[in-house]
Amino acid sequence: MIWHWLSAFVMVVVAILHSTGGASSVLGPMLANGNPHPEMEIAPTLLRYLWHSLSAFMILSAVAVAWPETPRALVAFIGVFWIALGVADIVTSKFAHPGWIPMGIAGILALIAAAR
């Protein structure tokens, strides 16, 4: 069960960093110059909503991994998904965004948890 908790802990840390640090260092500057899509009045609100929704889904996946009755296959799927997110982060940012490291760690820990 320790592997489940370790994976969930890393996922929650990533979610917190994403929602706080990421929102201020990425989303804030992106919206500082006004609406990035002036033809779409709701765009700034929608971007903030989606940003923090992603963090909420990260926490939801952490709960699923830590929940004692979650099927192993689902824990493994969540682990593979987090690793895939890390790989996508590498590809899209060309290693400029460090998020791939904790995403990969969270995914690997979930896979270890699923295998035990």
Protein backbone atom coordinates (compact mmCIF):
# COMPACT_ATOMS: atom_id res chain seq x y z
CA MET A 1 0.00 0.00 0.00
CA ILE A 2 2.98 2.30 0.48
CA TRP A 3 3.48 2.52 -3.30
CA HIS A 4 -0.11 3.62 -3.73
CA TRP A 5 0.34 6.38 -1.18
CA LEU A 6 3.67 7.50 -2.63
CA SER A 7 2.16 7.75 -6.10
CA ALA A 8 -0.88 9.61 -4.77
CA PHE A 9 1.36 11.98 -2.81
CA VAL A 10 3.37 12.89 -5.92
CA MET A 11 0.15 13.39 -7.89
CA VAL A 12 -1.21 15.77 -5.24
CA VAL A 13 2.08 17.70 -5.15
CA VAL A 14 1.96 18.04 -8.95
CA ALA A 15 -1.67 19.22 -8.74
CA ILE A 16 -0.82 21.83 -6.10
CA LEU A 17 2.19 23.08 -8.05
CA HIS A 18 0.14 23.17 -11.24
CA SER A 19 -2.72 25.06 -9.65
CA THR A 20 -0.58 27.57 -7.75
CA GLY A 21 2.81 28.01 -9.38
CA GLY A 22 1.70 27.10 -12.87
CA ALA A 23 -1.29 29.40 -12.74
CA SER A 24 0.86 32.34 -11.67
CA SER A 25 3.84 31.69 -13.94
CA VAL A 26 2.03 30.54 -17.08
CA LEU A 27 -1.63 31.42 -16.97
CA GLY A 28 -1.15 34.82 -15.32
CA PRO A 29 1.28 36.17 -17.92
CA MET A 30 -0.81 34.65 -20.71
CA LEU A 31 -3.84 36.63 -19.54
CA ALA A 32 -1.93 39.76 -18.44
CA ASN A 33 -2.24 41.29 -21.90
CA GLY A 34 -5.99 40.85 -21.89
CA ASN A 35 -8.16 38.31 -23.59
CA PRO A 36 -6.09 36.04 -25.86
CA HIS A 37 -9.24 35.46 -27.96
CA PRO A 38 -11.08 38.80 -28.08
CA GLU A 39 -13.83 37.32 -30.24
CA MET A 40 -14.62 34.93 -27.39
CA GLU A 41 -15.57 36.94 -24.31
CA ILE A 42 -15.54 33.93 -21.97
CA ALA A 43 -12.00 32.84 -22.96
CA PRO A 44 -10.10 34.13 -19.87
CA THR A 45 -12.63 32.63 -17.46
CA LEU A 46 -12.70 29.40 -19.41
CA LEU A 47 -8.90 29.12 -19.43
CA ARG A 48 -8.78 29.60 -15.65
CA TYR A 49 -11.56 27.05 -15.18
CA LEU A 50 -9.86 24.47 -17.38
CA TRP A 51 -6.46 25.08 -15.74
CA HIS A 52 -7.80 24.38 -12.26
CA SER A 53 -10.05 21.56 -13.47
CA LEU A 54 -6.94 19.75 -14.66
CA SER A 55 -5.48 20.10 -11.17
CA ALA A 56 -8.72 18.70 -9.71
CA PHE A 57 -8.52 15.70 -12.03
CA MET A 58 -4.94 15.14 -10.89
CA ILE A 59 -6.20 14.96 -7.30
CA LEU A 60 -9.04 12.68 -8.37
CA SER A 61 -6.53 10.28 -9.92
CA ALA A 62 -4.50 10.42 -6.69
CA VAL A 63 -7.60 9.44 -4.70
CA ALA A 64 -8.27 6.56 -7.09
CA VAL A 65 -4.70 5.30 -6.76
CA ALA A 66 -4.73 5.55 -2.95
CA TRP A 67 -8.21 4.07 -2.51
CA PRO A 68 -7.75 0.53 -1.13
CA GLU A 69 -10.48 -1.03 -3.26
CA THR A 70 -9.42 0.41 -6.61
CA PRO A 71 -8.83 -2.45 -9.05
CA ARG A 72 -5.19 -3.02 -9.97
CA ALA A 73 -5.97 -2.60 -13.65
CA LEU A 74 -7.32 0.92 -13.01
CA VAL A 75 -4.25 1.83 -10.92
CA ALA A 76 -2.06 0.56 -13.76
CA PHE A 77 -4.08 2.52 -16.33
CA ILE A 78 -3.72 5.70 -14.26
CA GLY A 79 0.03 5.05 -14.02
CA VAL A 80 0.35 4.61 -17.78
CA PHE A 81 -1.73 7.74 -18.31
CA TRP A 82 0.55 9.82 -16.04
CA ILE A 83 3.60 8.50 -17.87
CA ALA A 84 1.93 9.37 -21.18
CA LEU A 85 1.28 12.89 -19.87
CA GLY A 86 4.96 13.15 -19.01
CA VAL A 87 5.99 11.99 -22.48
CA ALA A 88 3.56 14.45 -24.08
CA ASP A 89 5.06 17.18 -21.91
CA ILE A 90 8.55 16.28 -23.16
CA VAL A 91 7.40 16.29 -26.79
CA THR A 92 5.43 19.53 -26.62
CA SER A 93 7.91 21.50 -24.50
CA LYS A 94 11.12 19.90 -25.82
CA PHE A 95 12.24 19.35 -22.20
CA ALA A 96 11.67 23.05 -21.34
CA HIS A 97 8.85 22.27 -18.88
CA PRO A 98 10.01 20.25 -15.85
CA GLY A 99 6.57 18.75 -15.19
CA TRP A 100 7.44 15.54 -17.00
CA ILE A 101 9.70 14.46 -14.15
CA PRO A 102 7.09 14.29 -11.35
CA MET A 103 4.43 13.10 -13.79
CA GLY A 104 6.68 10.21 -14.80
CA ILE A 105 7.55 9.45 -11.18
CA ALA A 106 3.87 9.41 -10.19
CA GLY A 107 3.09 7.08 -13.07
CA ILE A 108 5.95 4.70 -12.34
CA LEU A 109 4.98 4.54 -8.66
CA ALA A 110 1.38 3.75 -9.67
CA LEU A 111 2.61 0.94 -11.93
CA ILE A 112 4.72 -0.47 -9.08
CA ALA A 113 1.65 -0.25 -6.82
CA ALA A 114 -0.49 -2.07 -9.37
CA ALA A 115 2.08 -4.84 -9.70
CA ARG A 116 2.20 -5.58 -5.94
